[in-house]
């Protein structure tokens, strides 16, 4: 019999383990995004812009039990099978209010504003109600 090979102690390998960051959740076709115009309560984590829910009761805490968002969440979770069956969750994303989020600053002279205003007004006047405006064929 031969002796087992010996590894010298100088063969040291340093290893660091790190997991990659994920977004809202791992890819799952049972996840459902709900974009809402309802304003959330103070309990909603506005810094991340969305919240994950596993029950309509959780939605009621952030949006109120009389909100449209809660009613839609109750319908989603009330069906069988629902998104929880496939390991999914409800992701609620409120629309930004006009006074929050991105702000823009523009500088223009009164002449250019008058031109933009009259051009926009003439475009709107030329559209027929209920139909999308398309360029005329040449």
Protein backbone atom coordinates (compact mmCIF):
# COMPACT_ATOMS: atom_id res chain seq x y z
CA UNK A 1 0.00 0.00 0.00
CA UNK A 2 1.04 3.49 -0.79
CA UNK A 3 0.57 6.39 1.55
CA UNK A 4 -2.09 8.99 0.78
CA UNK A 5 -0.66 12.05 -0.95
CA UNK A 6 0.12 14.90 1.38
CA UNK A 7 -0.83 18.49 0.54
CA UNK A 8 1.53 21.14 1.84
CA UNK A 9 0.05 23.84 4.07
CA UNK A 10 1.27 26.47 1.62
CA UNK A 11 -1.64 25.54 -0.73
CA UNK A 12 -4.20 27.88 0.86
CA UNK A 13 -6.96 29.39 -1.19
CA UNK A 14 -8.99 32.32 0.13
CA UNK A 15 -12.65 32.20 -0.85
CA UNK A 16 -15.31 34.83 -0.36
CA UNK A 17 -18.94 34.02 -1.01
CA UNK A 18 -21.31 36.74 -2.20
CA UNK A 19 -24.83 36.44 -3.53
CA UNK A 20 -25.94 38.55 -6.42
CA UNK A 21 -28.53 41.21 -5.71
CA UNK A 22 -32.01 40.66 -7.01
CA UNK A 23 -34.73 43.10 -7.91
CA UNK A 24 -38.30 42.85 -6.68
CA UNK A 25 -38.19 39.07 -6.56
CA UNK A 26 -36.77 36.14 -8.47
CA UNK A 27 -38.30 35.61 -11.89
CA UNK A 28 -41.67 34.02 -11.36
CA UNK A 29 -44.63 34.06 -13.73
CA UNK A 30 -46.97 34.12 -10.71
CA UNK A 31 -45.80 37.60 -9.64
CA UNK A 32 -48.36 40.27 -10.47
CA UNK A 33 -47.75 44.03 -10.68
CA UNK A 34 -50.59 46.39 -9.82
CA UNK A 35 -50.10 50.03 -10.81
CA UNK A 36 -52.44 52.25 -8.83
CA UNK A 37 -53.53 55.85 -8.69
CA UNK A 38 -54.56 55.48 -5.02
CA UNK A 39 -52.39 57.31 -2.51
CA UNK A 40 -50.79 55.03 0.06
CA UNK A 41 -50.84 55.66 3.81
CA UNK A 42 -47.75 56.66 5.78
CA UNK A 43 -46.95 52.96 6.37
CA UNK A 44 -46.05 52.50 2.69
CA UNK A 45 -42.27 52.45 2.08
CA UNK A 46 -42.14 55.36 -0.36
CA UNK A 47 -38.35 55.23 -0.59
CA UNK A 48 -38.43 52.04 -2.66
CA UNK A 49 -41.53 52.95 -4.69
CA UNK A 50 -43.25 49.56 -4.46
CA UNK A 51 -44.32 47.00 -1.88
CA UNK A 52 -44.74 43.23 -1.99
CA UNK A 53 -47.96 41.72 -0.59
CA UNK A 54 -49.05 38.18 0.25
CA UNK A 55 -52.60 39.01 1.38
CA UNK A 56 -55.28 41.64 0.85
CA UNK A 57 -55.13 42.49 4.57
CA UNK A 58 -51.57 43.79 4.05
CA UNK A 59 -52.80 45.97 1.16
CA UNK A 60 -55.60 47.33 3.40
CA UNK A 61 -53.00 48.50 5.94
CA UNK A 62 -51.20 50.61 3.31
CA UNK A 63 -54.14 51.77 1.16
CA UNK A 64 -57.27 51.38 3.31
CA UNK A 65 -59.99 48.77 3.08
CA UNK A 66 -62.24 51.02 0.95
CA UNK A 67 -59.62 51.79 -1.71
CA UNK A 68 -59.74 50.51 -5.28
CA UNK A 69 -56.28 49.01 -4.73
CA UNK A 70 -57.59 46.88 -1.84
CA UNK A 71 -60.63 45.78 -3.86
CA UNK A 72 -58.39 44.65 -6.74
CA UNK A 73 -56.04 42.86 -4.32
CA UNK A 74 -58.99 41.08 -2.69
CA UNK A 75 -60.11 39.89 -6.13
CA UNK A 76 -56.59 38.66 -6.98
CA UNK A 77 -56.14 36.75 -3.72
CA UNK A 78 -59.78 35.57 -3.63
CA UNK A 79 -59.55 33.38 -6.72
CA UNK A 80 -58.43 29.77 -6.50
CA UNK A 81 -55.80 28.97 -7.53
CA UNK A 82 -54.24 32.39 -7.08
CA UNK A 83 -50.77 33.90 -7.41
CA UNK A 84 -49.69 32.38 -4.08
CA UNK A 85 -50.21 28.87 -5.51
CA UNK A 86 -47.27 29.43 -7.85
CA UNK A 87 -45.12 31.08 -5.19
CA UNK A 88 -45.86 34.58 -6.46
CA UNK A 89 -46.73 37.85 -4.80
CA UNK A 90 -48.61 41.04 -5.55
CA UNK A 91 -46.35 44.02 -6.26
CA UNK A 92 -48.19 47.32 -5.78
CA UNK A 93 -46.65 50.35 -7.47
CA UNK A 94 -48.40 53.69 -6.89
CA UNK A 95 -48.16 56.29 -9.64
CA UNK A 96 -46.13 59.35 -8.70
CA UNK A 97 -48.20 62.37 -7.83
CA UNK A 98 -47.64 65.41 -10.07
CA UNK A 99 -45.89 67.23 -7.23
CA UNK A 100 -43.49 64.45 -6.27
CA UNK A 101 -40.73 62.57 -8.00
CA UNK A 102 -39.01 64.07 -11.01
CA UNK A 103 -38.95 67.82 -11.42
CA UNK A 104 -37.76 69.71 -14.46
CA UNK A 105 -36.66 73.26 -14.93
CA UNK A 106 -36.95 74.94 -18.30
CA UNK A 107 -35.90 78.30 -19.59
CA UNK A 108 -37.64 79.85 -22.57
CA UNK A 109 -38.46 83.25 -23.95
CA UNK A 110 -42.04 84.42 -24.29
CA UNK A 111 -41.72 84.27 -28.12
CA UNK A 112 -40.89 80.55 -28.11
CA UNK A 113 -43.69 79.80 -25.63
CA UNK A 114 -46.20 81.60 -27.85
CA UNK A 115 -45.02 79.54 -30.84
CA UNK A 116 -45.29 76.25 -28.93
CA UNK A 117 -48.70 77.24 -27.56
CA UNK A 118 -50.17 78.17 -30.96
CA UNK A 119 -48.67 75.09 -32.65
CA UNK A 120 -50.13 72.80 -29.98
CA UNK A 121 -53.52 74.50 -30.19
CA UNK A 122 -53.64 74.11 -33.98
CA UNK A 123 -52.69 70.42 -33.73
CA UNK A 124 -55.39 69.78 -31.16
CA UNK A 125 -58.00 71.64 -33.23
CA UNK A 126 -57.20 69.56 -36.32
CA UNK A 127 -57.86 66.25 -34.57
CA UNK A 128 -61.30 64.76 -34.88
CA UNK A 129 -62.78 63.52 -31.56
CA UNK A 130 -62.19 59.86 -30.76
CA UNK A 131 -59.58 59.25 -33.46
CA UNK A 132 -55.83 59.22 -33.29
CA UNK A 133 -54.07 61.83 -35.35
CA UNK A 134 -52.03 60.44 -38.23
CA UNK A 135 -50.05 62.29 -40.86
CA UNK A 136 -51.79 62.67 -44.19
CA UNK A 137 -50.44 60.35 -46.93
CA UNK A 138 -48.19 62.03 -49.45
